[in-house]
């Protein structure tokens, strides 16, 4: 019986040793898996934070670009005198290139004098008439064929919008220092 007890004790100790080994291995695997999951979560959190930071930076850059465009539009609307007359004449010539030598010219009330002067100067090359109405614009002109079928908007706002994609890249490069 003592021999049986000794044998049972040896078997029990062997089983305890085996269970300890299995438990230690299982705990090791659990810790390894937990560490991998923690690293994965950490990478996700860092990635999301970096993305949020980049998006915030892009929103800030977009606001700054819009402010530059708004400031430019305000500065353009303040042009007067000879530079205004030259600009209006250029805008009318560009419009004539698009719609032909006969056109009705519309403008804002503040530009009527400059537009009238440009029409007189261009009168030898084209048949232009100043529209009696006025348009709501910060500056520039809209040319329309006499029958009204073709219209070319060459106001400052329209030109700025047409040029915005190209100008936006240049402004963004200047603002970010990536010239």
C-alpha atoms as a PDB file:
ATOM      1  CA  UNK A   1       0.000   0.000   0.000  1.00  0.00           C
ATOM      2  CA  UNK A   2       2.863   2.318   0.704  1.00  0.00           C
ATOM      3  CA  UNK A   3       4.198   1.517  -2.700  1.00  0.00           C
ATOM      4  CA  UNK A   4       0.795   2.383  -4.201  1.00  0.00           C
ATOM      5  CA  UNK A   5       0.768   5.665  -2.340  1.00  0.00           C
ATOM      6  CA  UNK A   6       4.274   6.476  -3.505  1.00  0.00           C
ATOM      7  CA  UNK A   7       3.338   5.581  -7.070  1.00  0.00           C
ATOM      8  CA  UNK A   8       0.131   7.691  -6.862  1.00  0.00           C
ATOM      9  CA  UNK A   9       2.131  10.563  -5.441  1.00  0.00           C
ATOM     10  CA  UNK A  10       4.661  10.335  -8.288  1.00  0.00           C
ATOM     11  CA  UNK A  11       1.888  10.269 -10.880  1.00  0.00           C
ATOM     12  CA  UNK A  12       0.160  13.221  -9.203  1.00  0.00           C
ATOM     13  CA  UNK A  13       3.404  15.213  -9.072  1.00  0.00           C
ATOM     14  CA  UNK A  14       4.036  14.391 -12.739  1.00  0.00           C
ATOM     15  CA  UNK A  15       0.506  15.541 -13.638  1.00  0.00           C
ATOM     16  CA  UNK A  16       0.943  18.712 -11.590  1.00  0.00           C
ATOM     17  CA  UNK A  17       4.233  19.349 -13.397  1.00  0.00           C
ATOM     18  CA  UNK A  18       2.564  18.740 -16.785  1.00  0.00           C
ATOM     19  CA  UNK A  19      -0.375  21.025 -15.904  1.00  0.00           C
ATOM     20  CA  UNK A  20       2.068  23.724 -14.730  1.00  0.00           C
ATOM     21  CA  UNK A  21       3.964  23.463 -18.006  1.00  0.00           C
ATOM     22  CA  UNK A  22       0.727  23.602 -20.046  1.00  0.00           C
ATOM     23  CA  UNK A  23      -0.525  26.524 -17.945  1.00  0.00           C
ATOM     24  CA  UNK A  24       2.759  28.400 -18.355  1.00  0.00           C
ATOM     25  CA  UNK A  25       2.652  27.829 -22.138  1.00  0.00           C
ATOM     26  CA  UNK A  26      -1.018  28.876 -22.304  1.00  0.00           C
ATOM     27  CA  UNK A  27      -0.308  32.020 -20.255  1.00  0.00           C
ATOM     28  CA  UNK A  28       2.659  32.770 -22.538  1.00  0.00           C
ATOM     29  CA  UNK A  29       0.475  32.415 -25.644  1.00  0.00           C
ATOM     30  CA  UNK A  30      -2.246  34.571 -24.095  1.00  0.00           C
ATOM     31  CA  UNK A  31       0.306  37.255 -23.206  1.00  0.00           C
ATOM     32  CA  UNK A  32       1.810  37.098 -26.708  1.00  0.00           C
ATOM     33  CA  UNK A  33      -1.642  37.392 -28.320  1.00  0.00           C
ATOM     34  CA  UNK A  34      -2.561  40.229 -25.964  1.00  0.00           C
ATOM     35  CA  UNK A  35       0.678  42.053 -26.833  1.00  0.00           C
ATOM     36  CA  UNK A  36      -0.025  41.668 -30.573  1.00  0.00           C
ATOM     37  CA  UNK A  37      -3.587  42.929 -30.093  1.00  0.00           C
ATOM     38  CA  UNK A  38      -2.322  45.854 -28.022  1.00  0.00           C
ATOM     39  CA  UNK A  39       0.190  46.755 -30.756  1.00  0.00           C
ATOM     40  CA  UNK A  40      -2.536  46.501 -33.381  1.00  0.00           C
ATOM     41  CA  UNK A  41      -4.866  48.765 -31.376  1.00  0.00           C
ATOM     42  CA  UNK A  42      -1.973  51.169 -30.779  1.00  0.00           C
ATOM     43  CA  UNK A  43      -1.255  51.338 -34.534  1.00  0.00           C
ATOM     44  CA  UNK A  44      -4.955  51.928 -35.248  1.00  0.00           C
ATOM     45  CA  UNK A  45      -5.142  54.723 -32.689  1.00  0.00           C
ATOM     46  CA  UNK A  46      -1.968  56.350 -33.989  1.00  0.00           C
ATOM     47  CA  UNK A  47      -3.173  55.989 -37.596  1.00  0.00           C
ATOM     48  CA  UNK A  48      -6.531  57.552 -36.767  1.00  0.00           C
ATOM     49  CA  UNK A  49      -4.835  60.397 -34.885  1.00  0.00           C
ATOM     50  CA  UNK A  50      -2.447  61.035 -37.792  1.00  0.00           C
ATOM     51  CA  UNK A  51      -5.379  61.031 -40.215  1.00  0.00           C
ATOM     52  CA  UNK A  52      -7.325  63.448 -38.001  1.00  0.00           C
ATOM     53  CA  UNK A  53      -4.277  65.712 -37.767  1.00  0.00           C
ATOM     54  CA  UNK A  54      -3.793  65.641 -41.568  1.00  0.00           C
ATOM     55  CA  UNK A  55      -7.480  66.396 -42.143  1.00  0.00           C
ATOM     56  CA  UNK A  56      -7.322  69.306 -39.685  1.00  0.00           C
ATOM     57  CA  UNK A  57      -4.229  70.597 -41.471  1.00  0.00           C
ATOM     58  CA  UNK A  58      -5.987  70.366 -44.850  1.00  0.00           C
ATOM     59  CA  UNK A  59      -9.085  72.154 -43.509  1.00  0.00           C
ATOM     60  CA  UNK A  60      -6.866  74.897 -42.114  1.00  0.00           C
ATOM     61  CA  UNK A  61      -5.018  75.201 -45.427  1.00  0.00           C
ATOM     62  CA  UNK A  62      -8.326  75.369 -47.316  1.00  0.00           C
ATOM     63  CA  UNK A  63      -9.557  78.158 -45.012  1.00  0.00           C
ATOM     64  CA  UNK A  64      -6.313  80.075 -45.570  1.00  0.00           C
ATOM     65  CA  UNK A  65      -6.586  79.636 -49.352  1.00  0.00           C
ATOM     66  CA  UNK A  66     -10.179  80.897 -49.292  1.00  0.00           C
ATOM     67  CA  UNK A  67      -9.071  83.909 -47.247  1.00  0.00           C
ATOM     68  CA  UNK A  68      -6.377  84.658 -49.851  1.00  0.00           C
ATOM     69  CA  UNK A  69      -8.950  84.467 -52.652  1.00  0.00           C
ATOM     70  CA  UNK A  70     -11.371  86.693 -50.724  1.00  0.00           C
ATOM     71  CA  UNK A  71      -8.629  89.238 -50.072  1.00  0.00           C
ATOM     72  CA  UNK A  72      -7.571  89.146 -53.722  1.00  0.00           C
ATOM     73  CA  UNK A  73     -11.173  89.699 -54.828  1.00  0.00           C
ATOM     74  CA  UNK A  74     -11.473  92.713 -52.525  1.00  0.00           C
ATOM     75  CA  UNK A  75      -8.205  94.164 -53.822  1.00  0.00           C
ATOM     76  CA  UNK A  76      -9.281  93.638 -57.437  1.00  0.00           C
ATOM     77  CA  UNK A  77     -12.593  95.394 -56.811  1.00  0.00           C
ATOM     78  CA  UNK A  78     -10.709  98.481 -55.578  1.00  0.00           C
ATOM     79  CA  UNK A  79      -8.818  99.002 -58.854  1.00  0.00           C
ATOM     80  CA  UNK A  80      -9.711 102.311 -60.489  1.00  0.00           C
ATOM     81  CA  UNK A  81      -8.435 104.872 -62.958  1.00  0.00           C
ATOM     82  CA  UNK A  82      -6.129 103.874 -65.811  1.00  0.00           C
ATOM     83  CA  UNK A  83      -5.487 100.336 -64.512  1.00  0.00           C
ATOM     84  CA  UNK A  84      -9.254  99.783 -64.369  1.00  0.00           C
ATOM     85  CA  UNK A  85      -9.736 101.080 -67.918  1.00  0.00           C
ATOM     86  CA  UNK A  86      -6.907  98.873 -69.191  1.00  0.00           C
ATOM     87  CA  UNK A  87      -8.324  95.847 -67.405  1.00  0.00           C
ATOM     88  CA  UNK A  88     -11.832  96.466 -68.767  1.00  0.00           C
ATOM     89  CA  UNK A  89     -10.479  96.910 -72.316  1.00  0.00           C
ATOM     90  CA  UNK A  90      -8.599  93.624 -72.010  1.00  0.00           C
ATOM     91  CA  UNK A  91     -11.704  91.856 -70.683  1.00  0.00           C
ATOM     92  CA  UNK A  92     -13.796  93.175 -73.575  1.00  0.00           C
ATOM     93  CA  UNK A  93     -11.152  92.117 -76.156  1.00  0.00           C
ATOM     94  CA  UNK A  94     -11.056  88.624 -74.666  1.00  0.00           C
ATOM     95  CA  UNK A  95     -14.842  88.467 -74.869  1.00  0.00           C
ATOM     96  CA  UNK A  96     -14.792  89.546 -78.502  1.00  0.00           C
ATOM     97  CA  UNK A  97     -12.340  86.742 -79.260  1.00  0.00           C
ATOM     98  CA  UNK A  98     -14.911  84.301 -77.894  1.00  0.00           C
ATOM     99  CA  UNK A  99     -18.209  85.620 -79.288  1.00  0.00           C
ATOM    100  CA  UNK A 100     -17.185  87.660 -82.320  1.00  0.00           C
ATOM    101  CA  UNK A 101     -17.003  91.360 -83.293  1.00  0.00           C
ATOM    102  CA  UNK A 102     -20.596  92.303 -82.431  1.00  0.00           C
ATOM    103  CA  UNK A 103     -21.614  92.405 -78.801  1.00  0.00           C
ATOM    104  CA  UNK A 104     -23.638  94.046 -76.100  1.00  0.00           C
ATOM    105  CA  UNK A 105     -21.524  94.814 -73.020  1.00  0.00           C
ATOM    106  CA  UNK A 106     -22.959  94.700 -69.501  1.00  0.00           C
ATOM    107  CA  UNK A 107     -21.155  95.943 -66.412  1.00  0.00           C
ATOM    108  CA  UNK A 108     -21.577  97.193 -62.855  1.00  0.00           C
ATOM    109  CA  UNK A 109     -22.538 100.832 -62.408  1.00  0.00           C
ATOM    110  CA  UNK A 110     -19.113 101.677 -60.970  1.00  0.00           C
ATOM    111  CA  UNK A 111     -17.442 100.447 -64.195  1.00  0.00           C
ATOM    112  CA  UNK A 112     -19.710 102.250 -66.689  1.00  0.00           C
ATOM    113  CA  UNK A 113     -17.268 105.100 -67.327  1.00  0.00           C
ATOM    114  CA  UNK A 114     -14.320 102.745 -67.923  1.00  0.00           C
ATOM    115  CA  UNK A 115     -16.437 100.435 -70.103  1.00  0.00           C
ATOM    116  CA  UNK A 116     -17.745 103.379 -72.171  1.00  0.00           C
ATOM    117  CA  UNK A 117     -14.182 104.557 -72.717  1.00  0.00           C
ATOM    118  CA  UNK A 118     -13.047 101.057 -73.750  1.00  0.00           C
ATOM    119  CA  UNK A 119     -16.012 100.688 -76.128  1.00  0.00           C
ATOM    120  CA  UNK A 120     -15.100 103.984 -77.817  1.00  0.00           C
ATOM    121  CA  UNK A 121     -11.469 102.872 -78.208  1.00  0.00           C
ATOM    122  CA  UNK A 122     -12.428  99.437 -79.547  1.00  0.00           C
ATOM    123  CA  UNK A 123     -15.229 100.820 -81.756  1.00  0.00           C
ATOM    124  CA  UNK A 124     -13.099 100.691 -84.916  1.00  0.00           C
ATOM    125  CA  UNK A 125     -12.472  96.951 -84.506  1.00  0.00           C
ATOM    126  CA  UNK A 126     -15.895  95.848 -83.288  1.00  0.00           C
ATOM    127  CA  UNK A 127     -19.519  96.889 -83.118  1.00  0.00           C
ATOM    128  CA  UNK A 128     -20.146  97.239 -79.383  1.00  0.00           C
ATOM    129  CA  UNK A 129     -23.019  98.678 -77.408  1.00  0.00           C
ATOM    130  CA  UNK A 130     -23.288  99.333 -73.697  1.00  0.00           C
ATOM    131  CA  UNK A 131     -26.264  97.591 -72.111  1.00  0.00           C
ATOM    132  CA  UNK A 132     -28.591  99.981 -70.268  1.00  0.00           C
ATOM    133  CA  UNK A 133     -28.942  97.601 -67.332  1.00  0.00           C
ATOM    134  CA  UNK A 134     -26.279  96.901 -64.785  1.00  0.00           C
ATOM    135  CA  UNK A 135     -24.984  93.682 -63.340  1.00  0.00           C
ATOM    136  CA  UNK A 136     -24.158  92.828 -59.756  1.00  0.00           C
ATOM    137  CA  UNK A 137     -20.428  92.234 -59.857  1.00  0.00           C
ATOM    138  CA  UNK A 138     -17.259  93.503 -58.227  1.00  0.00           C
ATOM    139  CA  UNK A 139     -15.934  94.360 -61.679  1.00  0.00           C
ATOM    140  CA  UNK A 140     -15.488  93.164 -65.223  1.00  0.00           C
ATOM    141  CA  UNK A 141     -17.951  92.677 -68.046  1.00  0.00           C
ATOM    142  CA  UNK A 142     -20.408  90.262 -69.585  1.00  0.00           C
ATOM    143  CA  UNK A 143     -20.565  90.239 -73.382  1.00  0.00           C
ATOM    144  CA  UNK A 144     -23.628  88.953 -75.216  1.00  0.00           C
ATOM    145  CA  UNK A 145     -24.259  88.537 -78.917  1.00  0.00           C
ATOM    146  CA  UNK A 146     -26.925  90.941 -80.269  1.00  0.00           C
ATOM    147  CA  UNK A 147     -29.459  88.104 -80.528  1.00  0.00           C
ATOM    148  CA  UNK A 148     -28.608  86.938 -76.978  1.00  0.00           C
ATOM    149  CA  UNK A 149     -27.672  83.387 -77.983  1.00  0.00           C
ATOM    150  CA  UNK A 150     -24.067  83.537 -76.784  1.00  0.00           C
ATOM    151  CA  UNK A 151     -22.972  84.993 -73.472  1.00  0.00           C
ATOM    152  CA  UNK A 152     -19.410  85.320 -72.183  1.00  0.00           C
ATOM    153  CA  UNK A 153     -19.018  86.152 -68.501  1.00  0.00           C
ATOM    154  CA  UNK A 154     -15.702  87.930 -68.039  1.00  0.00           C
ATOM    155  CA  UNK A 155     -16.435  89.434 -64.646  1.00  0.00           C
ATOM    156  CA  UNK A 156     -13.717  89.306 -62.010  1.00  0.00           C
ATOM    157  CA  UNK A 157     -15.670  86.679 -60.107  1.00  0.00           C
ATOM    158  CA  UNK A 158     -16.090  84.432 -63.159  1.00  0.00           C
ATOM    159  CA  UNK A 159     -12.421  84.781 -64.141  1.00  0.00           C
ATOM    160  CA  UNK A 160     -11.308  84.030 -60.594  1.00  0.00           C
ATOM    161  CA  UNK A 161     -13.528  80.925 -60.537  1.00  0.00           C
ATOM    162  CA  UNK A 162     -12.183  79.730 -63.914  1.00  0.00           C
ATOM    163  CA  UNK A 163      -8.618  80.235 -62.743  1.00  0.00           C
ATOM    164  CA  UNK A 164      -9.185  78.994 -59.195  1.00  0.00           C
ATOM    165  CA  UNK A 165      -7.919  75.403 -59.653  1.00  0.00           C
ATOM    166  CA  UNK A 166      -4.617  76.593 -61.117  1.00  0.00           C
ATOM    167  CA  UNK A 167      -4.242  79.487 -58.710  1.00  0.00           C
ATOM    168  CA  UNK A 168      -5.235  77.290 -55.768  1.00  0.00           C
ATOM    169  CA  UNK A 169      -2.225  75.036 -56.330  1.00  0.00           C
ATOM    170  CA  UNK A 170       0.110  78.026 -56.475  1.00  0.00           C
ATOM    171  CA  UNK A 171      -1.392  79.625 -53.356  1.00  0.00           C
ATOM    172  CA  UNK A 172      -1.237  76.320 -51.463  1.00  0.00           C
ATOM    173  CA  UNK A 173       2.432  75.922 -52.424  1.00  0.00           C
ATOM    174  CA  UNK A 174       3.218  79.418 -51.167  1.00  0.00           C
ATOM    175  CA  UNK A 175       1.298  78.927 -47.929  1.00  0.00           C
ATOM    176  CA  UNK A 176       2.910  75.573 -47.192  1.00  0.00           C
ATOM    177  CA  UNK A 177       6.380  76.660 -48.278  1.00  0.00           C
ATOM    178  CA  UNK A 178       6.467  73.988 -50.961  1.00  0.00           C
ATOM    179  CA  UNK A 179       7.306  76.388 -53.765  1.00  0.00           C
END
